[in-house]
Amino acid sequence: MRLKKLLAGVLSLAVAISIIPAGKLMAASTYPINENVFHDANFRAIVKTYDTNNDNELQPAEASVVTTLNLNGKGITDLTGISAFTNLESLYINNNQLTSLNISENTNLQILEATGNKFYYLDIPGTCTDLARVLKNGTVSTNMRNTESIYSMRYASADLRIRVDAN
């Protein structure tokens, strides 16, 4: 009797999965290269260069090979979609027009350079435990490996606050 119930449950699950379109199962792992996912046109144009199969989507295999992004001086105002690059280790975003940055999904990030932007508040989440260097106006530099707070920093601009979350 138990075996029949188990087999019936497995069969029901298999039928349910088979009626879900394949695209729906993969939707969370692919990123359409459009304004809804990558808001900034300049950033979107750079993302398109990593679309090696030219399907106008950033596939996991395409994004996973990117460990460094040099976006210096590209006129970028919004990095929404940066989370697609989950293996990103180095991010250079100097001399853009950024006012905020969400790198909470970029957990492999080790280097972040962000001089010449318009940040007021730069939040370094606790998920970025390997972040080794943060530069703002060329003077903020610290090692934050496995730390829960920043102990000493120099700021080139008094209006910048940097916070590191423990979680």
Foldseek 3Di string as FASTA:
>chain_A
DVVVVVVVVVVVVVVVVVVDDPCVVCVVQKAQLDCVQAVWPLVSVVQCVLVVVPPNIQGLVSLAVAQEDAQAPSQTADGRNPLSNQNHAEYHHEQYAYAEDDCLNNLNHAYYEYENYNHQEYEAELSNQNHAFYYYNRFFGGGRRLHQFDDDGDDPDPRYDYTYHND
